[in-house]
C-alpha atoms as a PDB file:
ATOM      1  CA  UNK A   1      54.741 -14.778  32.288  1.00  0.00           C
ATOM      2  CA  UNK A   2      53.061 -17.529  31.588  1.00  0.00           C
ATOM      3  CA  UNK A   3      49.377 -16.960  33.755  1.00  0.00           C
ATOM      4  CA  UNK A   4      49.250 -13.550  31.826  1.00  0.00           C
ATOM      5  CA  UNK A   5      46.048 -13.079  29.242  1.00  0.00           C
ATOM      6  CA  UNK A   6      47.753 -12.599  25.894  1.00  0.00           C
ATOM      7  CA  UNK A   7      46.188  -9.983  23.122  1.00  0.00           C
ATOM      8  CA  UNK A   8      43.416 -10.181  21.463  1.00  0.00           C
ATOM      9  CA  UNK A   9      45.188 -10.647  18.198  1.00  0.00           C
ATOM     10  CA  UNK A  10      48.219 -14.035  18.560  1.00  0.00           C
ATOM     11  CA  UNK A  11      48.137 -16.118  16.289  1.00  0.00           C
ATOM     12  CA  UNK A  12      47.605 -18.922  18.526  1.00  0.00           C
ATOM     13  CA  UNK A  13      44.126 -18.777  19.156  1.00  0.00           C
ATOM     14  CA  UNK A  14      43.020 -20.028  16.123  1.00  0.00           C
ATOM     15  CA  UNK A  15      45.689 -22.891  17.663  1.00  0.00           C
ATOM     16  CA  UNK A  16      43.917 -23.052  20.866  1.00  0.00           C
ATOM     17  CA  UNK A  17      39.787 -22.335  18.652  1.00  0.00           C
ATOM     18  CA  UNK A  18      41.043 -25.493  17.468  1.00  0.00           C
ATOM     19  CA  UNK A  19      41.122 -27.015  21.349  1.00  0.00           C
ATOM     20  CA  UNK A  20      38.237 -26.539  21.941  1.00  0.00           C
ATOM     21  CA  UNK A  21      36.692 -29.038  19.766  1.00  0.00           C
ATOM     22  CA  UNK A  22      38.235 -31.791  21.315  1.00  0.00           C
ATOM     23  CA  UNK A  23      36.486 -34.493  22.511  1.00  0.00           C
ATOM     24  CA  UNK A  24      36.344 -34.536  26.185  1.00  0.00           C
ATOM     25  CA  UNK A  25      37.152 -38.352  26.916  1.00  0.00           C
ATOM     26  CA  UNK A  26      40.181 -40.924  29.028  1.00  0.00           C
ATOM     27  CA  UNK A  27      42.849 -39.984  27.733  1.00  0.00           C
ATOM     28  CA  UNK A  28      46.376 -42.210  28.052  1.00  0.00           C
ATOM     29  CA  UNK A  29      47.929 -39.800  30.272  1.00  0.00           C
ATOM     30  CA  UNK A  30      45.285 -39.884  32.906  1.00  0.00           C
ATOM     31  CA  UNK A  31      46.128 -43.660  34.147  1.00  0.00           C
ATOM     32  CA  UNK A  32      49.335 -42.036  35.163  1.00  0.00           C
ATOM     33  CA  UNK A  33      48.470 -38.747  37.322  1.00  0.00           C
ATOM     34  CA  UNK A  34      49.544 -38.905  40.742  1.00  0.00           C
ATOM     35  CA  UNK A  35      45.989 -38.681  42.227  1.00  0.00           C
ATOM     36  CA  UNK A  36      46.250 -37.926  46.404  1.00  0.00           C
ATOM     37  CA  UNK A  37      42.971 -38.129  48.757  1.00  0.00           C
ATOM     38  CA  UNK A  38      41.160 -35.578  50.715  1.00  0.00           C
ATOM     39  CA  UNK A  39      41.659 -36.217  54.471  1.00  0.00           C
ATOM     40  CA  UNK A  40      38.497 -35.575  54.928  1.00  0.00           C
ATOM     41  CA  UNK A  41      36.138 -37.647  53.104  1.00  0.00           C
ATOM     42  CA  UNK A  42      39.151 -40.271  51.779  1.00  0.00           C
ATOM     43  CA  UNK A  43      38.034 -39.276  48.024  1.00  0.00           C
ATOM     44  CA  UNK A  44      41.019 -38.917  45.654  1.00  0.00           C
ATOM     45  CA  UNK A  45      41.863 -36.031  42.971  1.00  0.00           C
ATOM     46  CA  UNK A  46      44.666 -36.005  40.637  1.00  0.00           C
ATOM     47  CA  UNK A  47      47.343 -33.655  42.548  1.00  0.00           C
ATOM     48  CA  UNK A  48      47.589 -31.113  39.809  1.00  0.00           C
ATOM     49  CA  UNK A  49      43.973 -28.640  38.752  1.00  0.00           C
ATOM     50  CA  UNK A  50      43.209 -25.769  37.117  1.00  0.00           C
ATOM     51  CA  UNK A  51      43.540 -21.614  38.172  1.00  0.00           C
ATOM     52  CA  UNK A  52      41.542 -18.916  36.629  1.00  0.00           C
ATOM     53  CA  UNK A  53      42.961 -16.158  38.115  1.00  0.00           C
ATOM     54  CA  UNK A  54      43.616 -13.201  35.226  1.00  0.00           C
ATOM     55  CA  UNK A  55      43.806 -15.528  32.567  1.00  0.00           C
ATOM     56  CA  UNK A  56      40.378 -16.176  32.049  1.00  0.00           C
ATOM     57  CA  UNK A  57      38.697 -12.640  32.512  1.00  0.00           C
ATOM     58  CA  UNK A  58      38.686 -11.870  28.700  1.00  0.00           C
ATOM     59  CA  UNK A  59      34.695 -10.851  29.585  1.00  0.00           C
ATOM     60  CA  UNK A  60      32.525 -11.834  26.990  1.00  0.00           C
ATOM     61  CA  UNK A  61      35.459 -11.880  23.346  1.00  0.00           C
ATOM     62  CA  UNK A  62      34.376 -15.095  21.665  1.00  0.00           C
ATOM     63  CA  UNK A  63      37.728 -15.227  20.948  1.00  0.00           C
ATOM     64  CA  UNK A  64      39.222 -15.201  24.348  1.00  0.00           C
ATOM     65  CA  UNK A  65      36.200 -17.363  25.098  1.00  0.00           C
ATOM     66  CA  UNK A  66      37.060 -19.872  22.767  1.00  0.00           C
ATOM     67  CA  UNK A  67      40.610 -19.464  24.349  1.00  0.00           C
ATOM     68  CA  UNK A  68      39.626 -20.824  27.698  1.00  0.00           C
ATOM     69  CA  UNK A  69      37.544 -23.727  26.783  1.00  0.00           C
ATOM     70  CA  UNK A  70      40.042 -24.842  24.478  1.00  0.00           C
ATOM     71  CA  UNK A  71      42.951 -24.608  27.588  1.00  0.00           C
ATOM     72  CA  UNK A  72      40.167 -26.407  29.250  1.00  0.00           C
ATOM     73  CA  UNK A  73      39.290 -28.798  26.621  1.00  0.00           C
ATOM     74  CA  UNK A  74      42.972 -30.287  26.963  1.00  0.00           C
ATOM     75  CA  UNK A  75      43.362 -29.580  31.613  1.00  0.00           C
ATOM     76  CA  UNK A  76      40.204 -32.500  31.339  1.00  0.00           C
ATOM     77  CA  UNK A  77      41.617 -34.293  28.413  1.00  0.00           C
ATOM     78  CA  UNK A  78      44.770 -35.621  30.234  1.00  0.00           C
ATOM     79  CA  UNK A  79      42.670 -35.968  33.247  1.00  0.00           C
ATOM     80  CA  UNK A  80      42.910 -33.062  35.588  1.00  0.00           C
ATOM     81  CA  UNK A  81      39.592 -32.098  38.241  1.00  0.00           C
ATOM     82  CA  UNK A  82      39.951 -29.467  40.365  1.00  0.00           C
ATOM     83  CA  UNK A  83      39.502 -25.988  37.860  1.00  0.00           C
ATOM     84  CA  UNK A  84      39.221 -23.470  40.860  1.00  0.00           C
ATOM     85  CA  UNK A  85      37.749 -19.826  39.777  1.00  0.00           C
ATOM     86  CA  UNK A  86      35.872 -17.090  42.383  1.00  0.00           C
ATOM     87  CA  UNK A  87      33.601 -13.757  41.982  1.00  0.00           C
ATOM     88  CA  UNK A  88      36.853 -11.693  42.185  1.00  0.00           C
ATOM     89  CA  UNK A  89      38.126 -12.952  39.009  1.00  0.00           C
ATOM     90  CA  UNK A  90      36.263 -10.624  36.976  1.00  0.00           C
ATOM     91  CA  UNK A  91      34.423 -12.603  34.236  1.00  0.00           C
ATOM     92  CA  UNK A  92      36.290 -15.852  34.443  1.00  0.00           C
ATOM     93  CA  UNK A  93      33.231 -18.109  36.239  1.00  0.00           C
ATOM     94  CA  UNK A  94      30.984 -17.136  33.926  1.00  0.00           C
ATOM     95  CA  UNK A  95      34.205 -17.822  30.589  1.00  0.00           C
ATOM     96  CA  UNK A  96      34.236 -21.438  33.367  1.00  0.00           C
ATOM     97  CA  UNK A  97      30.642 -22.001  32.318  1.00  0.00           C
ATOM     98  CA  UNK A  98      31.223 -21.598  28.719  1.00  0.00           C
ATOM     99  CA  UNK A  99      33.334 -23.828  28.281  1.00  0.00           C
ATOM    100  CA  UNK A 100      32.007 -26.154  30.852  1.00  0.00           C
ATOM    101  CA  UNK A 101      28.624 -26.390  28.601  1.00  0.00           C
ATOM    102  CA  UNK A 102      30.788 -26.104  25.077  1.00  0.00           C
ATOM    103  CA  UNK A 103      32.229 -29.228  25.817  1.00  0.00           C
ATOM    104  CA  UNK A 104      29.404 -30.725  26.884  1.00  0.00           C
ATOM    105  CA  UNK A 105      29.468 -30.734  30.907  1.00  0.00           C
ATOM    106  CA  UNK A 106      32.582 -33.184  31.750  1.00  0.00           C
ATOM    107  CA  UNK A 107      31.634 -34.980  35.008  1.00  0.00           C
ATOM    108  CA  UNK A 108      35.005 -35.613  36.377  1.00  0.00           C
ATOM    109  CA  UNK A 109      34.565 -31.828  36.879  1.00  0.00           C
ATOM    110  CA  UNK A 110      35.977 -31.124  40.719  1.00  0.00           C
ATOM    111  CA  UNK A 111      34.272 -27.441  41.493  1.00  0.00           C
ATOM    112  CA  UNK A 112      36.293 -25.304  43.467  1.00  0.00           C
ATOM    113  CA  UNK A 113      35.355 -21.935  43.616  1.00  0.00           C
ATOM    114  CA  UNK A 114      34.352 -18.714  46.340  1.00  0.00           C
ATOM    115  CA  UNK A 115      32.569 -16.807  48.646  1.00  0.00           C
ATOM    116  CA  UNK A 116      33.921 -13.501  48.974  1.00  0.00           C
ATOM    117  CA  UNK A 117      31.923 -10.490  50.276  1.00  0.00           C
ATOM    118  CA  UNK A 118      32.209  -8.319  52.850  1.00  0.00           C
ATOM    119  CA  UNK A 119      28.294  -9.131  53.725  1.00  0.00           C
ATOM    120  CA  UNK A 120      27.946 -11.451  55.854  1.00  0.00           C
ATOM    121  CA  UNK A 121      23.975 -11.292  54.726  1.00  0.00           C
ATOM    122  CA  UNK A 122      25.073 -11.673  50.906  1.00  0.00           C
ATOM    123  CA  UNK A 123      27.299 -15.397  50.853  1.00  0.00           C
ATOM    124  CA  UNK A 124      23.848 -16.878  49.597  1.00  0.00           C
ATOM    125  CA  UNK A 125      22.861 -14.877  47.242  1.00  0.00           C
ATOM    126  CA  UNK A 126      26.599 -14.537  45.647  1.00  0.00           C
ATOM    127  CA  UNK A 127      26.971 -18.230  46.025  1.00  0.00           C
ATOM    128  CA  UNK A 128      24.057 -19.018  43.854  1.00  0.00           C
ATOM    129  CA  UNK A 129      24.913 -16.721  41.254  1.00  0.00           C
ATOM    130  CA  UNK A 130      28.844 -18.185  41.014  1.00  0.00           C
ATOM    131  CA  UNK A 131      27.228 -21.995  40.584  1.00  0.00           C
ATOM    132  CA  UNK A 132      24.689 -20.508  38.524  1.00  0.00           C
ATOM    133  CA  UNK A 133      27.542 -18.507  35.680  1.00  0.00           C
ATOM    134  CA  UNK A 134      29.041 -22.204  36.513  1.00  0.00           C
ATOM    135  CA  UNK A 135      25.869 -24.172  35.209  1.00  0.00           C
ATOM    136  CA  UNK A 136      26.584 -27.074  38.257  1.00  0.00           C
ATOM    137  CA  UNK A 137      24.417 -29.092  40.127  1.00  0.00           C
ATOM    138  CA  UNK A 138      25.526 -27.829  43.455  1.00  0.00           C
ATOM    139  CA  UNK A 139      29.824 -27.088  44.135  1.00  0.00           C
ATOM    140  CA  UNK A 140      32.396 -29.663  45.353  1.00  0.00           C
ATOM    141  CA  UNK A 141      34.026 -26.844  47.016  1.00  0.00           C
ATOM    142  CA  UNK A 142      33.255 -23.808  48.687  1.00  0.00           C
ATOM    143  CA  UNK A 143      36.575 -21.619  49.986  1.00  0.00           C
ATOM    144  CA  UNK A 144      36.078 -17.787  51.666  1.00  0.00           C
ATOM    145  CA  UNK A 145      37.555 -15.996  49.740  1.00  0.00           C
ATOM    146  CA  UNK A 146      40.783 -14.615  52.066  1.00  0.00           C
ATOM    147  CA  UNK A 147      39.106 -14.425  54.803  1.00  0.00           C
ATOM    148  CA  UNK A 148      37.393 -12.008  53.900  1.00  0.00           C
ATOM    149  CA  UNK A 149      34.269 -12.258  55.792  1.00  0.00           C
ATOM    150  CA  UNK A 150      35.014 -15.443  58.355  1.00  0.00           C
ATOM    151  CA  UNK A 151      33.718 -16.028  60.331  1.00  0.00           C
ATOM    152  CA  UNK A 152      29.706 -15.487  59.309  1.00  0.00           C
ATOM    153  CA  UNK A 153      30.661 -17.902  55.814  1.00  0.00           C
ATOM    154  CA  UNK A 154      32.302 -20.262  56.998  1.00  0.00           C
ATOM    155  CA  UNK A 155      29.181 -20.647  58.835  1.00  0.00           C
ATOM    156  CA  UNK A 156      27.264 -20.785  56.547  1.00  0.00           C
ATOM    157  CA  UNK A 157      29.182 -23.030  54.824  1.00  0.00           C
ATOM    158  CA  UNK A 158      29.215 -25.613  56.907  1.00  0.00           C
ATOM    159  CA  UNK A 159      25.274 -25.392  57.265  1.00  0.00           C
ATOM    160  CA  UNK A 160      25.346 -25.476  53.114  1.00  0.00           C
ATOM    161  CA  UNK A 161      27.390 -28.508  53.867  1.00  0.00           C
ATOM    162  CA  UNK A 162      24.876 -30.384  56.628  1.00  0.00           C
ATOM    163  CA  UNK A 163      22.151 -29.791  53.389  1.00  0.00           C
ATOM    164  CA  UNK A 164      24.915 -31.628  51.348  1.00  0.00           C
ATOM    165  CA  UNK A 165      24.050 -28.460  48.659  1.00  0.00           C
ATOM    166  CA  UNK A 166      28.529 -27.515  48.791  1.00  0.00           C
ATOM    167  CA  UNK A 167      30.403 -31.210  50.123  1.00  0.00           C
ATOM    168  CA  UNK A 168      33.633 -28.879  51.212  1.00  0.00           C
ATOM    169  CA  UNK A 169      33.949 -25.834  52.997  1.00  0.00           C
ATOM    170  CA  UNK A 170      37.769 -24.137  52.571  1.00  0.00           C
ATOM    171  CA  UNK A 171      39.271 -20.964  53.758  1.00  0.00           C
ATOM    172  CA  UNK A 172      42.248 -18.822  51.887  1.00  0.00           C
ATOM    173  CA  UNK A 173      44.532 -17.046  51.243  1.00  0.00           C
ATOM    174  CA  UNK A 174      48.225 -15.339  48.852  1.00  0.00           C
ATOM    175  CA  UNK A 175      50.555 -14.407  48.356  1.00  0.00           C
ATOM    176  CA  UNK A 176      51.840 -15.274  52.131  1.00  0.00           C
ATOM    177  CA  UNK A 177      49.879 -12.704  53.837  1.00  0.00           C
ATOM    178  CA  UNK A 178      47.817 -13.576  57.133  1.00  0.00           C
ATOM    179  CA  UNK A 179      49.236 -16.961  57.811  1.00  0.00           C
ATOM    180  CA  UNK A 180      48.441 -16.580  61.991  1.00  0.00           C
ATOM    181  CA  UNK A 181      44.883 -15.706  60.891  1.00  0.00           C
ATOM    182  CA  UNK A 182      44.814 -19.257  58.977  1.00  0.00           C
ATOM    183  CA  UNK A 183      47.030 -21.222  61.836  1.00  0.00           C
ATOM    184  CA  UNK A 184      44.402 -19.880  64.233  1.00  0.00           C
ATOM    185  CA  UNK A 185      41.481 -21.740  62.021  1.00  0.00           C
ATOM    186  CA  UNK A 186      42.935 -24.435  60.934  1.00  0.00           C
ATOM    187  CA  UNK A 187      42.986 -25.659  64.671  1.00  0.00           C
ATOM    188  CA  UNK A 188      39.958 -24.829  65.862  1.00  0.00           C
ATOM    189  CA  UNK A 189      37.539 -25.301  62.581  1.00  0.00           C
ATOM    190  CA  UNK A 190      36.832 -28.390  61.049  1.00  0.00           C
ATOM    191  CA  UNK A 191      37.456 -27.317  57.332  1.00  0.00           C
ATOM    192  CA  UNK A 192      38.323 -29.984  54.690  1.00  0.00           C
ATOM    193  CA  UNK A 193      40.587 -27.532  52.646  1.00  0.00           C
ATOM    194  CA  UNK A 194      42.722 -24.362  53.044  1.00  0.00           C
ATOM    195  CA  UNK A 195      44.137 -22.954  49.591  1.00  0.00           C
ATOM    196  CA  UNK A 196      47.737 -21.043  50.335  1.00  0.00           C
ATOM    197  CA  UNK A 197      50.779 -19.549  48.454  1.00  0.00           C
ATOM    198  CA  UNK A 198      53.511 -21.796  47.998  1.00  0.00           C
ATOM    199  CA  UNK A 199      56.417 -22.269  45.298  1.00  0.00           C
ATOM    200  CA  UNK A 200      60.274 -23.088  45.818  1.00  0.00           C
ATOM    201  CA  UNK A 201      61.298 -19.831  46.338  1.00  0.00           C
ATOM    202  CA  UNK A 202      57.951 -18.734  48.470  1.00  0.00           C
ATOM    203  CA  UNK A 203      58.642 -22.016  51.312  1.00  0.00           C
ATOM    204  CA  UNK A 204      56.978 -20.351  54.564  1.00  0.00           C
ATOM    205  CA  UNK A 205      54.399 -22.774  54.760  1.00  0.00           C
ATOM    206  CA  UNK A 206      56.765 -25.315  55.612  1.00  0.00           C
ATOM    207  CA  UNK A 207      57.158 -24.246  59.447  1.00  0.00           C
ATOM    208  CA  UNK A 208      54.278 -24.259  59.819  1.00  0.00           C
ATOM    209  CA  UNK A 209      50.840 -24.355  57.548  1.00  0.00           C
ATOM    210  CA  UNK A 210      52.130 -27.905  55.496  1.00  0.00           C
ATOM    211  CA  UNK A 211      52.152 -29.419  59.188  1.00  0.00           C
ATOM    212  CA  UNK A 212      49.295 -28.854  60.385  1.00  0.00           C
ATOM    213  CA  UNK A 213      47.726 -29.617  57.908  1.00  0.00           C
ATOM    214  CA  UNK A 214      48.582 -33.317  57.987  1.00  0.00           C
ATOM    215  CA  UNK A 215      48.711 -32.752  61.740  1.00  0.00           C
ATOM    216  CA  UNK A 216      44.629 -32.246  61.501  1.00  0.00           C
ATOM    217  CA  UNK A 217      43.437 -33.413  58.587  1.00  0.00           C
ATOM    218  CA  UNK A 218      42.955 -30.997  55.766  1.00  0.00           C
ATOM    219  CA  UNK A 219      43.742 -30.452  52.765  1.00  0.00           C
ATOM    220  CA  UNK A 220      46.365 -28.616  50.750  1.00  0.00           C
ATOM    221  CA  UNK A 221      45.431 -26.690  47.832  1.00  0.00           C
ATOM    222  CA  UNK A 222      47.543 -24.067  46.280  1.00  0.00           C
ATOM    223  CA  UNK A 223      48.002 -21.274  44.326  1.00  0.00           C
ATOM    224  CA  UNK A 224      50.947 -19.384  42.556  1.00  0.00           C
ATOM    225  CA  UNK A 225      53.098 -21.960  41.891  1.00  0.00           C
ATOM    226  CA  UNK A 226      55.116 -20.154  38.977  1.00  0.00           C
ATOM    227  CA  UNK A 227      54.559 -16.863  41.226  1.00  0.00           C
ATOM    228  CA  UNK A 228      52.311 -15.437  39.134  1.00  0.00           C
ATOM    229  CA  UNK A 229      54.486 -16.452  36.028  1.00  0.00           C
ATOM    230  CA  UNK A 230      57.179 -14.423  37.383  1.00  0.00           C
ATOM    231  CA  UNK A 231      59.711 -17.285  37.973  1.00  0.00           C
ATOM    232  CA  UNK A 232      59.286 -19.249  34.145  1.00  0.00           C
ATOM    233  CA  UNK A 233      59.881 -15.713  33.503  1.00  0.00           C
ATOM    234  CA  UNK A 234      63.178 -15.353  35.100  1.00  0.00           C
ATOM    235  CA  UNK A 235      63.989 -19.206  33.812  1.00  0.00           C
ATOM    236  CA  UNK A 236      63.242 -19.477  30.852  1.00  0.00           C
ATOM    237  CA  UNK A 237      66.902 -18.016  29.050  1.00  0.00           C
ATOM    238  CA  UNK A 238      67.580 -20.298  31.871  1.00  0.00           C
ATOM    239  CA  UNK A 239      69.633 -23.993  31.125  1.00  0.00           C
ATOM    240  CA  UNK A 240      67.437 -26.633  33.098  1.00  0.00           C
ATOM    241  CA  UNK A 241      70.011 -28.637  35.074  1.00  0.00           C
ATOM    242  CA  UNK A 242      70.750 -31.929  33.362  1.00  0.00           C
ATOM    243  CA  UNK A 243      69.591 -33.834  36.685  1.00  0.00           C
ATOM    244  CA  UNK A 244      66.056 -33.143  36.244  1.00  0.00           C
ATOM    245  CA  UNK A 245      66.130 -35.999  33.254  1.00  0.00           C
ATOM    246  CA  UNK A 246      66.183 -38.093  36.649  1.00  0.00           C
ATOM    247  CA  UNK A 247      62.600 -37.005  37.741  1.00  0.00           C
ATOM    248  CA  UNK A 248      60.886 -37.344  33.947  1.00  0.00           C
ATOM    249  CA  UNK A 249      60.871 -33.583  34.552  1.00  0.00           C
ATOM    250  CA  UNK A 250      61.803 -31.127  30.716  1.00  0.00           C
ATOM    251  CA  UNK A 251      61.185 -28.098  31.361  1.00  0.00           C
ATOM    252  CA  UNK A 252      61.155 -25.051  34.650  1.00  0.00           C
ATOM    253  CA  UNK A 253      57.982 -25.802  35.332  1.00  0.00           C
ATOM    254  CA  UNK A 254      57.589 -28.826  35.678  1.00  0.00           C
ATOM    255  CA  UNK A 255      60.623 -29.190  37.587  1.00  0.00           C
ATOM    256  CA  UNK A 256      58.900 -26.444  40.325  1.00  0.00           C
ATOM    257  CA  UNK A 257      55.626 -28.318  40.035  1.00  0.00           C
ATOM    258  CA  UNK A 258      57.114 -31.175  41.062  1.00  0.00           C
ATOM    259  CA  UNK A 259      58.723 -30.065  43.982  1.00  0.00           C
ATOM    260  CA  UNK A 260      55.397 -28.749  45.483  1.00  0.00           C
ATOM    261  CA  UNK A 261      53.814 -31.533  44.200  1.00  0.00           C
ATOM    262  CA  UNK A 262      56.178 -33.989  46.251  1.00  0.00           C
ATOM    263  CA  UNK A 263      56.015 -32.619  49.351  1.00  0.00           C
ATOM    264  CA  UNK A 264      52.845 -35.110  51.693  1.00  0.00           C
ATOM    265  CA  UNK A 265      50.793 -32.414  52.758  1.00  0.00           C
ATOM    266  CA  UNK A 266      49.790 -31.049  49.841  1.00  0.00           C
ATOM    267  CA  UNK A 267      46.562 -32.452  48.045  1.00  0.00           C
ATOM    268  CA  UNK A 268      46.949 -29.983  44.421  1.00  0.00           C
ATOM    269  CA  UNK A 269      48.915 -27.511  43.401  1.00  0.00           C
ATOM    270  CA  UNK A 270      46.342 -24.314  40.676  1.00  0.00           C
ATOM    271  CA  UNK A 271      48.668 -22.879  37.829  1.00  0.00           C
ATOM    272  CA  UNK A 272      46.512 -20.872  36.127  1.00  0.00           C
ATOM    273  CA  UNK A 273      47.145 -20.315  31.641  1.00  0.00           C
ATOM    274  CA  UNK A 274      46.058 -19.430  28.863  1.00  0.00           C
ATOM    275  CA  UNK A 275      47.862 -21.615  26.454  1.00  0.00           C
ATOM    276  CA  UNK A 276      47.336 -25.618  25.966  1.00  0.00           C
ATOM    277  CA  UNK A 277      51.085 -26.504  26.079  1.00  0.00           C
ATOM    278  CA  UNK A 278      51.227 -24.928  28.823  1.00  0.00           C
ATOM    279  CA  UNK A 279      48.448 -26.825  30.402  1.00  0.00           C
ATOM    280  CA  UNK A 280      49.559 -29.822  29.271  1.00  0.00           C
ATOM    281  CA  UNK A 281      53.280 -29.433  30.201  1.00  0.00           C
ATOM    282  CA  UNK A 282      51.516 -28.646  33.926  1.00  0.00           C
ATOM    283  CA  UNK A 283      48.723 -31.913  33.899  1.00  0.00           C
ATOM    284  CA  UNK A 284      52.340 -33.740  33.296  1.00  0.00           C
ATOM    285  CA  UNK A 285      54.346 -32.878  36.324  1.00  0.00           C
ATOM    286  CA  UNK A 286      51.885 -35.043  37.884  1.00  0.00           C
ATOM    287  CA  UNK A 287      52.619 -37.619  36.336  1.00  0.00           C
ATOM    288  CA  UNK A 288      55.899 -40.275  36.679  1.00  0.00           C
ATOM    289  CA  UNK A 289      58.860 -39.692  39.998  1.00  0.00           C
ATOM    290  CA  UNK A 290      58.419 -37.134  42.136  1.00  0.00           C
ATOM    291  CA  UNK A 291      61.518 -35.927  43.962  1.00  0.00           C
ATOM    292  CA  UNK A 292      62.772 -37.226  47.305  1.00  0.00           C
ATOM    293  CA  UNK A 293      63.616 -34.388  50.095  1.00  0.00           C
ATOM    294  CA  UNK A 294      67.097 -34.253  49.434  1.00  0.00           C
ATOM    295  CA  UNK A 295      66.099 -34.190  45.055  1.00  0.00           C
ATOM    296  CA  UNK A 296      63.755 -30.585  46.412  1.00  0.00           C
ATOM    297  CA  UNK A 297      66.271 -29.017  48.527  1.00  0.00           C
ATOM    298  CA  UNK A 298      69.064 -28.958  45.890  1.00  0.00           C
ATOM    299  CA  UNK A 299      66.291 -28.180  43.435  1.00  0.00           C
ATOM    300  CA  UNK A 300      65.249 -24.920  45.940  1.00  0.00           C
ATOM    301  CA  UNK A 301      69.462 -24.011  46.680  1.00  0.00           C
ATOM    302  CA  UNK A 302      69.464 -24.032  42.401  1.00  0.00           C
ATOM    303  CA  UNK A 303      66.744 -22.047  41.387  1.00  0.00           C
ATOM    304  CA  UNK A 304      67.700 -19.249  43.937  1.00  0.00           C
ATOM    305  CA  UNK A 305      71.815 -19.430  42.733  1.00  0.00           C
ATOM    306  CA  UNK A 306      70.540 -18.565  39.704  1.00  0.00           C
END
């Protein structure tokens, strides 16, 4: 699967490690990436980011850390900004920090992390530890992960935003869980971001969450765009439809990302990967033509039929 962490012995490690040496400079593709505004501020960010669930949980192994740094190098070189992580993701946070240090702390970074503890009092300490792992002065965005102890954590984050120690506040869920509570919070709390699962197969968010985000002016981060790699694995031996070329899509990943990104309420999708070629492929979906409503329906129907 695209998002499954590779083993220590894969031959592609050498190529990925070499990619960590790429300079972080302006790349021709950056000017072509579609950006969307964060509704609460109008700050624009590229519509494809980088997730770290599973893929960056590599411990202290130097080869695998360099592999992750290589993915980050390719991500920034292609014009990416948002990297998303969590205390729940094992060693992912310190691995992100390692990559940022190795790459000279790219100024383009939009840092998105989470608070994930059942103790309300432990929230600030956990957030500070996460910040130290990343090595950033402050996070751009901190989200309450999977709504755990969400009320007190949101109050902590609102206070941090008011004091200038975090820029944006959000909430998250995944795999279609707790949408009723997500909707309640979106209606009642002044959050900047909401994160949930949405893809060409899992479309429950279209009914309520995506329209509500537009109505309330909340930025949307989409997780699990490939069902944690299950969709790309399922389709890898299926021929890409000829009409995908109309969108400039040369792979299933690009086509399925364009389906997501074309929804006007989506701000950014955060596919995770262990491979430099895949991160470049993902970023390429943020450029060129996007499907209209009819084409989105055609994509969904075609994938469902396979």
